Amino acid sequence: MKIAPLVAGLALLSAPLLSSCTSTDPKQDVPAGPPSVEEMMAMWAEMAATTEHHRHLDPMVGTFRAETTFWMEPGGEPMQSGGTMVNEWIHGGRFLQSRYAGDMMGQPFEGLSLMGYDKMKQRYVATWCDSMSTFFAPFAEGTCSAGGSVITMERDIPNPMTGEMEHERDVITLHDRDHHTFEMFMTAPGRPECKSMVIEYTRTW
């Protein structure tokens, strides 16, 4: 284990406690002591533990056939593509890594996603990069429905064609262990929200 990152992490987690250690009672001039190493380690263990929100993602683990429909512009003709998505837990079941391989507009296409549940933010988080760009997508953040079958995430992301910032809303619907759907909705400046992509995932393994 690398000591420096661990110490820095413990300091970060204990900061809210340290900031409240000094008594506001004028009769008490001696501040309370900082958390002990054992207390900080317990805090670290609690923040590192997975939750039911991580379990909501379990049905996505495996290999899935992906059938994609997307629109280059609102009201335009839909385009089709296909591929394979391989999802697996990494770092002890804390992050879902997704690797996509297929085609896009007649060209080979690869993508990589990381998704998880941030216990400090109490929100799902995800990012994405692929072979058709040189940037990481800004982190998307969101919540789930009761029971976790629908996860909705949002972010602001630059349009590489116009340079304008657009708002993206992603909806993941977990139908059952073998099927889930990804829908992307975009809102450009001065325009209403429109659906730009739908991916139907079917388990193959």
N, C-alpha and C. Protein backbone atom coordinates (compact mmCIF):
# COMPACT_ATOMS: atom_id res chain seq x y z
N MET A 1 0.85 -1.20 0.00
CA MET A 1 0.00 0.00 0.00
C MET A 1 0.88 1.24 0.00
N LYS A 2 0.58 2.23 -0.82
CA LYS A 2 1.31 3.47 -0.84
C LYS A 2 0.86 4.35 0.32
N ILE A 3 1.83 4.76 1.17
CA ILE A 3 1.49 5.46 2.39
C ILE A 3 1.00 6.88 2.11
N ALA A 4 1.68 7.61 1.19
CA ALA A 4 1.33 9.01 0.97
C ALA A 4 -0.12 9.20 0.55
N PRO A 5 -0.63 8.46 -0.47
CA PRO A 5 -2.04 8.63 -0.81
C PRO A 5 -2.98 8.26 0.33
N LEU A 6 -2.60 7.25 1.13
CA LEU A 6 -3.45 6.85 2.25
C LEU A 6 -3.54 7.95 3.28
N VAL A 7 -2.38 8.55 3.61
CA VAL A 7 -2.37 9.63 4.59
C VAL A 7 -3.18 10.81 4.08
N ALA A 8 -2.99 11.14 2.78
CA ALA A 8 -3.74 12.26 2.21
C ALA A 8 -5.23 12.00 2.24
N GLY A 9 -5.61 10.76 1.94
CA GLY A 9 -7.03 10.41 1.96
C GLY A 9 -7.61 10.49 3.35
N LEU A 10 -6.85 10.00 4.35
CA LEU A 10 -7.33 10.07 5.72
C LEU A 10 -7.49 11.51 6.17
N ALA A 11 -6.55 12.36 5.74
CA ALA A 11 -6.65 13.78 6.11
C ALA A 11 -7.89 14.40 5.49
N LEU A 12 -8.19 14.05 4.24
CA LEU A 12 -9.37 14.58 3.57
C LEU A 12 -10.64 14.15 4.27
N LEU A 13 -10.73 12.88 4.61
CA LEU A 13 -11.93 12.38 5.26
C LEU A 13 -12.11 12.96 6.66
N SER A 14 -11.00 13.25 7.33
CA SER A 14 -11.10 13.75 8.70
C SER A 14 -11.25 15.25 8.77
N ALA A 15 -11.10 15.97 7.66
CA ALA A 15 -11.14 17.43 7.67
C ALA A 15 -12.43 17.98 8.27
N PRO A 16 -13.62 17.44 7.90
CA PRO A 16 -14.84 17.97 8.51
C PRO A 16 -14.87 17.81 10.02
N LEU A 17 -14.28 16.71 10.51
CA LEU A 17 -14.25 16.51 11.95
C LEU A 17 -13.28 17.48 12.62
N LEU A 18 -12.10 17.68 12.00
CA LEU A 18 -11.10 18.56 12.58
C LEU A 18 -11.60 19.98 12.65
N SER A 19 -12.40 20.39 11.64
CA SER A 19 -12.88 21.76 11.60
C SER A 19 -13.87 22.04 12.71
N SER A 20 -14.45 21.00 13.30
CA SER A 20 -15.44 21.19 14.36
C SER A 20 -14.91 20.76 15.72
N CYS A 21 -13.60 20.58 15.83
CA CYS A 21 -13.05 20.08 17.08
C CYS A 21 -13.01 21.16 18.16
N THR A 22 -12.86 22.43 17.80
CA THR A 22 -12.76 23.48 18.79
C THR A 22 -14.13 23.80 19.36
N SER A 23 -14.21 23.83 20.67
CA SER A 23 -15.48 24.07 21.33
C SER A 23 -15.91 25.52 21.15
N THR A 24 -17.23 25.74 21.00
CA THR A 24 -17.77 27.10 20.92
C THR A 24 -18.17 27.60 22.31
N ASP A 25 -18.03 26.77 23.30
CA ASP A 25 -18.35 27.15 24.67
C ASP A 25 -17.20 27.99 25.22
N PRO A 26 -17.45 29.29 25.56
CA PRO A 26 -16.35 30.14 26.05
C PRO A 26 -15.72 29.62 27.33
N LYS A 27 -16.42 28.74 28.04
CA LYS A 27 -15.87 28.20 29.28
C LYS A 27 -14.86 27.10 29.02
N GLN A 28 -14.81 26.63 27.78
CA GLN A 28 -13.90 25.56 27.44
C GLN A 28 -12.88 26.09 26.45
N ASP A 29 -11.67 26.33 26.91
CA ASP A 29 -10.62 26.90 26.07
C ASP A 29 -9.78 25.84 25.39
N VAL A 30 -9.87 24.61 25.87
CA VAL A 30 -9.03 23.54 25.32
C VAL A 30 -9.78 22.82 24.21
N PRO A 31 -9.26 22.86 22.98
CA PRO A 31 -9.96 22.19 21.88
C PRO A 31 -9.90 20.67 22.04
N ALA A 32 -10.92 20.03 21.50
CA ALA A 32 -10.92 18.56 21.51
C ALA A 32 -9.81 18.08 20.59
N GLY A 33 -9.30 16.91 20.88
CA GLY A 33 -8.21 16.37 20.08
C GLY A 33 -8.70 15.87 18.74
N PRO A 34 -7.79 15.71 17.78
CA PRO A 34 -8.17 15.20 16.46
C PRO A 34 -8.53 13.72 16.55
N PRO A 35 -9.20 13.19 15.52
CA PRO A 35 -9.51 11.77 15.52
C PRO A 35 -8.23 10.93 15.61
N SER A 36 -8.32 9.82 16.27
CA SER A 36 -7.18 8.93 16.36
C SER A 36 -6.96 8.24 15.03
N VAL A 37 -5.79 7.62 14.88
CA VAL A 37 -5.51 6.86 13.66
C VAL A 37 -6.54 5.76 13.47
N GLU A 38 -6.94 5.12 14.58
CA GLU A 38 -7.93 4.05 14.48
C GLU A 38 -9.27 4.58 14.00
N GLU A 39 -9.66 5.78 14.49
CA GLU A 39 -10.93 6.37 14.05
C GLU A 39 -10.86 6.76 12.57
N MET A 40 -9.73 7.30 12.15
CA MET A 40 -9.59 7.67 10.75
C MET A 40 -9.60 6.43 9.85
N MET A 41 -8.98 5.36 10.30
CA MET A 41 -8.98 4.13 9.53
C MET A 41 -10.40 3.57 9.41
N ALA A 42 -11.19 3.69 10.49
CA ALA A 42 -12.57 3.23 10.44
C ALA A 42 -13.38 4.07 9.47
N MET A 43 -13.12 5.38 9.44
CA MET A 43 -13.79 6.26 8.48
C MET A 43 -13.43 5.86 7.05
N TRP A 44 -12.16 5.57 6.84
CA TRP A 44 -11.68 5.17 5.51
C TRP A 44 -12.38 3.88 5.07
N ALA A 45 -12.46 2.92 5.98
CA ALA A 45 -13.09 1.64 5.65
C ALA A 45 -14.56 1.84 5.30
N GLU A 46 -15.24 2.73 6.02
CA GLU A 46 -16.65 3.00 5.74
C GLU A 46 -16.82 3.63 4.36
N MET A 47 -15.96 4.59 4.02
CA MET A 47 -16.07 5.25 2.72
C MET A 47 -15.72 4.30 1.58
N ALA A 48 -14.89 3.30 1.85
CA ALA A 48 -14.46 2.36 0.80
C ALA A 48 -15.44 1.21 0.60
N ALA A 49 -16.35 1.00 1.54
CA ALA A 49 -17.28 -0.12 1.45
C ALA A 49 -18.33 0.13 0.36
N THR A 50 -18.65 -0.91 -0.39
CA THR A 50 -19.68 -0.78 -1.42
C THR A 50 -21.08 -0.80 -0.79
N THR A 51 -22.08 -0.36 -1.56
CA THR A 51 -23.43 -0.21 -1.05
C THR A 51 -24.42 -0.90 -1.99
N GLU A 52 -25.70 -0.78 -1.65
CA GLU A 52 -26.75 -1.31 -2.52
C GLU A 52 -26.76 -0.62 -3.87
N HIS A 53 -26.24 0.61 -3.94
CA HIS A 53 -26.17 1.31 -5.22
C HIS A 53 -25.20 0.62 -6.18
N HIS A 54 -24.13 0.07 -5.65
CA HIS A 54 -23.23 -0.72 -6.49
C HIS A 54 -23.93 -2.00 -6.94
N ARG A 55 -24.70 -2.60 -6.05
CA ARG A 55 -25.40 -3.84 -6.40
C ARG A 55 -26.43 -3.60 -7.51
N HIS A 56 -26.96 -2.40 -7.60
CA HIS A 56 -27.92 -2.11 -8.68
C HIS A 56 -27.29 -2.29 -10.05
N LEU A 57 -25.96 -2.18 -10.13
CA LEU A 57 -25.26 -2.31 -11.41
C LEU A 57 -24.90 -3.75 -11.74
N ASP A 58 -25.09 -4.67 -10.81
CA ASP A 58 -24.71 -6.07 -11.05
C ASP A 58 -25.31 -6.67 -12.32
N PRO A 59 -26.59 -6.38 -12.69
CA PRO A 59 -27.14 -6.97 -13.90
C PRO A 59 -26.40 -6.57 -15.18
N MET A 60 -25.59 -5.52 -15.11
CA MET A 60 -24.87 -5.07 -16.31
C MET A 60 -23.56 -5.83 -16.51
N VAL A 61 -23.14 -6.60 -15.51
CA VAL A 61 -21.87 -7.32 -15.63
C VAL A 61 -22.02 -8.48 -16.61
N GLY A 62 -21.08 -8.58 -17.56
CA GLY A 62 -21.12 -9.64 -18.55
C GLY A 62 -20.81 -9.11 -19.94
N THR A 63 -21.11 -9.91 -20.94
CA THR A 63 -20.89 -9.53 -22.34
C THR A 63 -22.24 -9.37 -23.03
N PHE A 64 -22.40 -8.25 -23.73
CA PHE A 64 -23.69 -7.92 -24.32
C PHE A 64 -23.53 -7.53 -25.80
N ARG A 65 -24.48 -7.97 -26.60
CA ARG A 65 -24.58 -7.47 -27.98
C ARG A 65 -25.25 -6.10 -27.92
N ALA A 66 -24.68 -5.14 -28.63
CA ALA A 66 -25.20 -3.77 -28.63
C ALA A 66 -25.77 -3.43 -30.00
N GLU A 67 -27.01 -2.98 -30.02
CA GLU A 67 -27.65 -2.53 -31.25
C GLU A 67 -27.98 -1.05 -31.07
N THR A 68 -27.29 -0.20 -31.83
CA THR A 68 -27.35 1.24 -31.63
C THR A 68 -28.12 1.93 -32.74
N THR A 69 -28.99 2.85 -32.34
CA THR A 69 -29.67 3.75 -33.27
C THR A 69 -29.33 5.17 -32.83
N PHE A 70 -28.88 6.01 -33.78
CA PHE A 70 -28.53 7.37 -33.41
C PHE A 70 -28.92 8.34 -34.53
N TRP A 71 -29.07 9.59 -34.12
CA TRP A 71 -29.49 10.64 -35.03
C TRP A 71 -28.44 11.74 -35.03
N MET A 72 -27.96 12.13 -36.21
CA MET A 72 -26.97 13.18 -36.32
C MET A 72 -27.58 14.56 -36.09
N GLU A 73 -28.89 14.69 -36.35
CA GLU A 73 -29.58 15.95 -36.12
C GLU A 73 -31.03 15.66 -35.79
N PRO A 74 -31.70 16.54 -35.06
CA PRO A 74 -33.10 16.31 -34.71
C PRO A 74 -33.96 16.14 -35.95
N GLY A 75 -34.77 15.08 -35.96
CA GLY A 75 -35.66 14.84 -37.09
C GLY A 75 -34.99 14.20 -38.29
N GLY A 76 -33.68 13.95 -38.20
CA GLY A 76 -32.96 13.34 -39.31
C GLY A 76 -33.20 11.85 -39.40
N GLU A 77 -32.67 11.26 -40.45
CA GLU A 77 -32.80 9.81 -40.63
C GLU A 77 -31.96 9.08 -39.59
N PRO A 78 -32.52 8.08 -38.93
CA PRO A 78 -31.74 7.33 -37.95
C PRO A 78 -30.65 6.50 -38.63
N MET A 79 -29.53 6.35 -37.95
CA MET A 79 -28.42 5.53 -38.42
C MET A 79 -28.26 4.36 -37.46
N GLN A 80 -27.75 3.25 -37.99
CA GLN A 80 -27.61 2.03 -37.20
C GLN A 80 -26.15 1.61 -37.10
N SER A 81 -25.80 1.01 -35.99
CA SER A 81 -24.49 0.40 -35.83
C SER A 81 -24.59 -0.71 -34.81
N GLY A 82 -23.57 -1.53 -34.73
CA GLY A 82 -23.59 -2.64 -33.80
C GLY A 82 -22.23 -2.89 -33.19
N GLY A 83 -22.21 -3.66 -32.12
CA GLY A 83 -20.95 -3.97 -31.48
C GLY A 83 -21.16 -4.85 -30.27
N THR A 84 -20.11 -4.96 -29.48
CA THR A 84 -20.13 -5.79 -28.27
C THR A 84 -19.62 -4.97 -27.10
N MET A 85 -20.34 -5.05 -25.98
CA MET A 85 -19.93 -4.37 -24.76
C MET A 85 -19.59 -5.42 -23.71
N VAL A 86 -18.41 -5.29 -23.12
CA VAL A 86 -17.96 -6.19 -22.05
C VAL A 86 -17.84 -5.37 -20.77
N ASN A 87 -18.65 -5.72 -19.78
CA ASN A 87 -18.68 -5.00 -18.50
C ASN A 87 -18.14 -5.88 -17.39
N GLU A 88 -17.27 -5.32 -16.54
CA GLU A 88 -16.74 -6.07 -15.42
C GLU A 88 -16.43 -5.13 -14.25
N TRP A 89 -16.57 -5.67 -13.04
CA TRP A 89 -16.21 -4.91 -11.85
C TRP A 89 -14.69 -4.86 -11.72
N ILE A 90 -14.17 -3.70 -11.33
CA ILE A 90 -12.74 -3.58 -11.04
C ILE A 90 -12.58 -2.93 -9.66
N HIS A 91 -11.37 -3.00 -9.13
CA HIS A 91 -11.04 -2.42 -7.83
C HIS A 91 -12.00 -2.91 -6.74
N GLY A 92 -12.14 -4.23 -6.69
CA GLY A 92 -12.93 -4.82 -5.63
C GLY A 92 -14.42 -4.55 -5.71
N GLY A 93 -14.93 -4.40 -6.92
CA GLY A 93 -16.36 -4.19 -7.10
C GLY A 93 -16.80 -2.76 -6.86
N ARG A 94 -15.87 -1.81 -6.96
CA ARG A 94 -16.21 -0.41 -6.71
C ARG A 94 -16.50 0.37 -7.99
N PHE A 95 -15.96 -0.08 -9.11
CA PHE A 95 -16.17 0.62 -10.37
C PHE A 95 -16.48 -0.38 -11.47
N LEU A 96 -17.46 -0.03 -12.30
CA LEU A 96 -17.83 -0.88 -13.42
C LEU A 96 -17.10 -0.39 -14.66
N GLN A 97 -16.23 -1.23 -15.18
CA GLN A 97 -15.48 -0.91 -16.40
C GLN A 97 -16.19 -1.50 -17.60
N SER A 98 -16.42 -0.68 -18.62
CA SER A 98 -17.13 -1.13 -19.82
C SER A 98 -16.25 -0.90 -21.04
N ARG A 99 -16.04 -1.95 -21.82
CA ARG A 99 -15.24 -1.85 -23.05
C ARG A 99 -16.13 -2.19 -24.24
N TYR A 100 -16.22 -1.24 -25.17
CA TYR A 100 -17.06 -1.40 -26.35
C TYR A 100 -16.19 -1.56 -27.59
N ALA A 101 -16.58 -2.47 -28.48
CA ALA A 101 -15.90 -2.65 -29.76
C ALA A 101 -16.97 -2.90 -30.82
N GLY A 102 -16.92 -2.13 -31.90
CA GLY A 102 -17.91 -2.30 -32.96
C GLY A 102 -17.62 -1.36 -34.11
N ASP A 103 -18.67 -0.80 -34.68
CA ASP A 103 -18.49 0.15 -35.79
C ASP A 103 -19.36 1.37 -35.54
N MET A 104 -18.97 2.47 -36.17
CA MET A 104 -19.72 3.71 -36.09
C MET A 104 -19.55 4.45 -37.42
N MET A 105 -20.66 4.66 -38.12
CA MET A 105 -20.65 5.32 -39.42
C MET A 105 -19.67 4.64 -40.38
N GLY A 106 -19.68 3.31 -40.34
CA GLY A 106 -18.86 2.54 -41.27
C GLY A 106 -17.40 2.41 -40.88
N GLN A 107 -17.02 2.92 -39.72
CA GLN A 107 -15.63 2.86 -39.28
C GLN A 107 -15.51 2.04 -38.00
N PRO A 108 -14.36 1.34 -37.81
CA PRO A 108 -14.15 0.64 -36.54
C PRO A 108 -14.22 1.64 -35.38
N PHE A 109 -14.81 1.19 -34.28
CA PHE A 109 -15.03 2.08 -33.16
C PHE A 109 -14.80 1.35 -31.85
N GLU A 110 -14.07 1.99 -30.93
CA GLU A 110 -13.85 1.44 -29.60
C GLU A 110 -14.15 2.51 -28.56
N GLY A 111 -14.64 2.08 -27.41
CA GLY A 111 -14.92 3.02 -26.33
C GLY A 111 -14.68 2.39 -24.98
N LEU A 112 -14.44 3.24 -23.99
CA LEU A 112 -14.17 2.78 -22.63
C LEU A 112 -14.95 3.67 -21.65
N SER A 113 -15.66 3.03 -20.73
CA SER A 113 -16.42 3.76 -19.72
C SER A 113 -16.05 3.26 -18.33
N LEU A 114 -16.08 4.18 -17.36
CA LEU A 114 -15.97 3.83 -15.95
C LEU A 114 -17.19 4.42 -15.26
N MET A 115 -17.84 3.60 -14.44
CA MET A 115 -19.04 4.04 -13.74
C MET A 115 -19.02 3.51 -12.31
N GLY A 116 -19.54 4.28 -11.39
CA GLY A 116 -19.59 3.83 -10.01
C GLY A 116 -20.57 4.67 -9.21
N TYR A 117 -20.53 4.47 -7.90
CA TYR A 117 -21.37 5.27 -7.00
C TYR A 117 -20.45 5.95 -6.00
N ASP A 118 -20.44 7.28 -6.03
CA ASP A 118 -19.59 8.09 -5.17
C ASP A 118 -20.33 8.31 -3.84
N LYS A 119 -19.82 7.69 -2.77
CA LYS A 119 -20.51 7.78 -1.49
C LYS A 119 -20.39 9.17 -0.87
N MET A 120 -19.34 9.91 -1.20
CA MET A 120 -19.21 11.26 -0.67
C MET A 120 -20.25 12.18 -1.30
N LYS A 121 -20.44 12.04 -2.63
CA LYS A 121 -21.44 12.85 -3.33
C LYS A 121 -22.84 12.27 -3.20
N GLN A 122 -22.90 10.96 -2.89
CA GLN A 122 -24.16 10.21 -2.87
C GLN A 122 -24.84 10.29 -4.24
N ARG A 123 -24.04 10.06 -5.26
CA ARG A 123 -24.55 10.10 -6.62
C ARG A 123 -23.77 9.11 -7.48
N TYR A 124 -24.43 8.58 -8.52
CA TYR A 124 -23.73 7.79 -9.52
C TYR A 124 -22.84 8.73 -10.33
N VAL A 125 -21.69 8.21 -10.75
CA VAL A 125 -20.76 9.00 -11.57
C VAL A 125 -20.25 8.13 -12.70
N ALA A 126 -19.92 8.76 -13.83
CA ALA A 126 -19.42 8.01 -14.98
C ALA A 126 -18.67 8.93 -15.92
N THR A 127 -17.70 8.37 -16.65
CA THR A 127 -17.02 9.10 -17.70
C THR A 127 -16.81 8.15 -18.88
N TRP A 128 -16.34 8.71 -20.00
CA TRP A 128 -16.26 7.94 -21.25
C TRP A 128 -15.15 8.51 -22.12
N CYS A 129 -14.45 7.64 -22.86
CA CYS A 129 -13.53 8.05 -23.92
C CYS A 129 -13.63 7.04 -25.04
N ASP A 130 -13.28 7.44 -26.27
CA ASP A 130 -13.41 6.52 -27.40
C ASP A 130 -12.41 6.84 -28.49
N SER A 131 -12.43 6.03 -29.55
CA SER A 131 -11.47 6.15 -30.64
C SER A 131 -11.82 7.21 -31.67
N MET A 132 -12.93 7.93 -31.48
CA MET A 132 -13.32 8.98 -32.42
C MET A 132 -13.09 10.38 -31.84
N SER A 133 -12.39 10.47 -30.71
CA SER A 133 -12.10 11.76 -30.12
C SER A 133 -10.82 11.65 -29.31
N THR A 134 -10.32 12.81 -28.82
CA THR A 134 -9.10 12.81 -28.02
C THR A 134 -9.35 13.35 -26.61
N PHE A 135 -10.61 13.41 -26.18
CA PHE A 135 -10.90 13.94 -24.86
C PHE A 135 -11.73 12.96 -24.05
N PHE A 136 -11.62 13.10 -22.74
CA PHE A 136 -12.51 12.38 -21.84
C PHE A 136 -13.80 13.18 -21.72
N ALA A 137 -14.92 12.50 -21.76
CA ALA A 137 -16.18 13.17 -21.51
C ALA A 137 -16.20 13.66 -20.06
N PRO A 138 -16.73 14.87 -19.80
CA PRO A 138 -16.87 15.32 -18.41
C PRO A 138 -17.68 14.30 -17.62
N PHE A 139 -17.44 14.25 -16.32
CA PHE A 139 -18.16 13.30 -15.48
C PHE A 139 -19.66 13.58 -15.50
N ALA A 140 -20.42 12.51 -15.70
CA ALA A 140 -21.86 12.59 -15.54
C ALA A 140 -22.20 12.18 -14.12
N GLU A 141 -23.24 12.79 -13.56
CA GLU A 141 -23.67 12.47 -12.21
C GLU A 141 -25.18 12.29 -12.19
N GLY A 142 -25.66 11.42 -11.30
CA GLY A 142 -27.10 11.24 -11.24
C GLY A 142 -27.55 10.32 -10.13
N THR A 143 -28.82 9.97 -10.21
CA THR A 143 -29.47 9.17 -9.18
C THR A 143 -30.25 8.03 -9.83
N CYS A 144 -30.86 7.19 -9.00
CA CYS A 144 -31.64 6.07 -9.51
C CYS A 144 -33.06 6.11 -8.96
N SER A 145 -33.92 5.38 -9.63
CA SER A 145 -35.30 5.24 -9.16
C SER A 145 -35.33 4.31 -7.96
N ALA A 146 -36.47 4.24 -7.31
CA ALA A 146 -36.63 3.30 -6.21
C ALA A 146 -36.39 1.89 -6.74
N GLY A 147 -35.51 1.15 -6.08
CA GLY A 147 -35.19 -0.20 -6.55
C GLY A 147 -34.03 -0.24 -7.51
N GLY A 148 -33.63 0.92 -8.06
CA GLY A 148 -32.44 0.99 -8.89
C GLY A 148 -32.59 0.53 -10.32
N SER A 149 -33.81 0.34 -10.83
CA SER A 149 -33.97 -0.17 -12.20
C SER A 149 -33.77 0.90 -13.26
N VAL A 150 -33.86 2.18 -12.88
CA VAL A 150 -33.63 3.28 -13.83
C VAL A 150 -32.62 4.24 -13.22
N ILE A 151 -31.52 4.46 -13.93
CA ILE A 151 -30.48 5.38 -13.48
C ILE A 151 -30.42 6.54 -14.47
N THR A 152 -30.55 7.75 -13.96
CA THR A 152 -30.54 8.95 -14.79
C THR A 152 -29.33 9.80 -14.42
N MET A 153 -28.53 10.15 -15.43
CA MET A 153 -27.31 10.91 -15.20
C MET A 153 -27.26 12.09 -16.17
N GLU A 154 -26.61 13.17 -15.75
CA GLU A 154 -26.54 14.38 -16.57
C GLU A 154 -25.16 14.99 -16.54
N ARG A 155 -24.85 15.74 -17.60
CA ARG A 155 -23.59 16.49 -17.66
C ARG A 155 -23.69 17.54 -18.76
N ASP A 156 -22.80 18.51 -18.72
CA ASP A 156 -22.63 19.46 -19.81
C ASP A 156 -21.38 19.06 -20.56
N ILE A 157 -21.47 19.03 -21.88
CA ILE A 157 -20.39 18.50 -22.70
C ILE A 157 -20.25 19.33 -23.97
N PRO A 158 -19.02 19.60 -24.43
CA PRO A 158 -18.86 20.40 -25.64
C PRO A 158 -19.21 19.60 -26.89
N ASN A 159 -19.89 20.26 -27.82
CA ASN A 159 -20.16 19.67 -29.13
C ASN A 159 -18.90 19.84 -29.98
N PRO A 160 -18.25 18.75 -30.41
CA PRO A 160 -16.98 18.88 -31.13
C PRO A 160 -17.14 19.55 -32.50
N MET A 161 -18.36 19.60 -33.03
CA MET A 161 -18.58 20.22 -34.33
C MET A 161 -18.76 21.74 -34.23
N THR A 162 -19.44 22.18 -33.14
CA THR A 162 -19.76 23.60 -33.01
C THR A 162 -18.96 24.30 -31.91
N GLY A 163 -18.42 23.51 -30.98
CA GLY A 163 -17.71 24.10 -29.85
C GLY A 163 -18.64 24.58 -28.75
N GLU A 164 -19.95 24.52 -28.96
CA GLU A 164 -20.91 24.96 -27.96
C GLU A 164 -21.09 23.90 -26.88
N MET A 165 -21.37 24.35 -25.68
CA MET A 165 -21.68 23.42 -24.60
C MET A 165 -23.14 22.99 -24.74
N GLU A 166 -23.37 21.69 -24.64
CA GLU A 166 -24.71 21.13 -24.70
C GLU A 166 -24.96 20.33 -23.43
N HIS A 167 -26.23 20.19 -23.09
CA HIS A 167 -26.59 19.43 -21.91
C HIS A 167 -26.99 18.01 -22.32
N GLU A 168 -26.41 17.03 -21.66
CA GLU A 168 -26.68 15.63 -21.96
C GLU A 168 -27.38 14.97 -20.79
N ARG A 169 -28.43 14.23 -21.11
CA ARG A 169 -29.15 13.45 -20.09
C ARG A 169 -29.16 12.00 -20.55
N ASP A 170 -28.61 11.12 -19.74
CA ASP A 170 -28.52 9.70 -20.07
C ASP A 170 -29.44 8.91 -19.15
N VAL A 171 -30.17 7.98 -19.72
CA VAL A 171 -31.08 7.14 -18.94
C VAL A 171 -30.74 5.67 -19.20
N ILE A 172 -30.37 4.96 -18.14
CA ILE A 172 -30.10 3.52 -18.23
C ILE A 172 -31.27 2.80 -17.58
N THR A 173 -31.94 1.94 -18.35
CA THR A 173 -33.07 1.17 -17.84
C THR A 173 -32.68 -0.31 -17.79
N LEU A 174 -32.69 -0.87 -16.59
CA LEU A 174 -32.34 -2.28 -16.40
C LEU A 174 -33.62 -3.10 -16.42
N HIS A 175 -33.90 -3.73 -17.56
CA HIS A 175 -35.14 -4.49 -17.70
C HIS A 175 -35.08 -5.80 -16.92
N ASP A 176 -33.98 -6.50 -17.05
CA ASP A 176 -33.73 -7.74 -16.31
C ASP A 176 -32.25 -8.04 -16.43
N ARG A 177 -31.83 -9.21 -15.97
CA ARG A 177 -30.41 -9.53 -15.99
C ARG A 177 -29.84 -9.58 -17.40
N ASP A 178 -30.65 -9.85 -18.38
CA ASP A 178 -30.15 -10.08 -19.74
C ASP A 178 -30.39 -8.91 -20.70
N HIS A 179 -31.12 -7.90 -20.26
CA HIS A 179 -31.45 -6.79 -21.16
C HIS A 179 -31.41 -5.46 -20.42
N HIS A 180 -30.73 -4.49 -21.01
CA HIS A 180 -30.83 -3.12 -20.52
C HIS A 180 -30.69 -2.16 -21.69
N THR A 181 -31.19 -0.95 -21.49
CA THR A 181 -31.25 0.05 -22.55
C THR A 181 -30.55 1.32 -22.09
N PHE A 182 -29.80 1.91 -23.00
CA PHE A 182 -29.17 3.22 -22.77
C PHE A 182 -29.80 4.22 -23.73
N GLU A 183 -30.29 5.35 -23.19
CA GLU A 183 -30.86 6.41 -24.01
C GLU A 183 -30.12 7.71 -23.71
N MET A 184 -29.77 8.43 -24.77
CA MET A 184 -29.09 9.72 -24.62
C MET A 184 -29.99 10.82 -25.19
N PHE A 185 -30.17 11.88 -24.40
CA PHE A 185 -30.94 13.04 -24.81
C PHE A 185 -30.04 14.26 -24.75
N MET A 186 -30.07 15.09 -25.79
CA MET A 186 -29.22 16.27 -25.85
C MET A 186 -30.07 17.54 -25.94
N THR A 187 -29.57 18.59 -25.30
CA THR A 187 -30.21 19.90 -25.39
C THR A 187 -29.16 20.91 -25.81
N ALA A 188 -29.29 21.43 -27.06
CA ALA A 188 -28.38 22.45 -27.56
C ALA A 188 -28.91 23.82 -27.17
N PRO A 189 -28.03 24.82 -27.10
CA PRO A 189 -28.48 26.17 -26.72
C PRO A 189 -29.63 26.66 -27.60
N GLY A 190 -30.71 27.09 -26.96
CA GLY A 190 -31.85 27.63 -27.69
C GLY A 190 -32.73 26.60 -28.36
N ARG A 191 -32.50 25.31 -28.08
CA ARG A 191 -33.29 24.24 -28.71
C ARG A 191 -33.90 23.35 -27.64
N PRO A 192 -35.00 22.68 -27.96
CA PRO A 192 -35.58 21.73 -27.00
C PRO A 192 -34.75 20.45 -26.94
N GLU A 193 -34.95 19.70 -25.87
CA GLU A 193 -34.26 18.42 -25.73
C GLU A 193 -34.71 17.46 -26.81
N CYS A 194 -33.77 16.67 -27.33
CA CYS A 194 -34.12 15.65 -28.33
C CYS A 194 -33.31 14.40 -28.06
N LYS A 195 -33.90 13.25 -28.44
CA LYS A 195 -33.21 11.98 -28.28
C LYS A 195 -32.17 11.85 -29.39
N SER A 196 -30.92 11.54 -29.01
CA SER A 196 -29.86 11.43 -30.00
C SER A 196 -29.33 10.01 -30.16
N MET A 197 -29.61 9.13 -29.18
CA MET A 197 -29.08 7.76 -29.27
C MET A 197 -29.89 6.81 -28.41
N VAL A 198 -30.04 5.59 -28.90
CA VAL A 198 -30.61 4.50 -28.13
C VAL A 198 -29.74 3.26 -28.37
N ILE A 199 -29.34 2.60 -27.31
CA ILE A 199 -28.57 1.35 -27.43
C ILE A 199 -29.32 0.26 -26.68
N GLU A 200 -29.65 -0.80 -27.38
CA GLU A 200 -30.29 -1.97 -26.77
C GLU A 200 -29.22 -3.03 -26.53
N TYR A 201 -29.08 -3.43 -25.26
CA TYR A 201 -28.08 -4.42 -24.88
C TYR A 201 -28.75 -5.76 -24.57
N THR A 202 -28.23 -6.83 -25.17
CA THR A 202 -28.74 -8.18 -24.94
C THR A 202 -27.57 -9.08 -24.54
N ARG A 203 -27.71 -9.78 -23.43
CA ARG A 203 -26.61 -10.60 -22.93
C ARG A 203 -26.28 -11.74 -23.89
N THR A 204 -24.99 -11.94 -24.11
CA THR A 204 -24.52 -13.10 -24.86
C THR A 204 -23.69 -14.03 -23.96
N TRP A 205 -23.32 -13.52 -22.80
CA TRP A 205 -22.60 -14.34 -21.82
C TRP A 205 -22.76 -13.77 -20.43
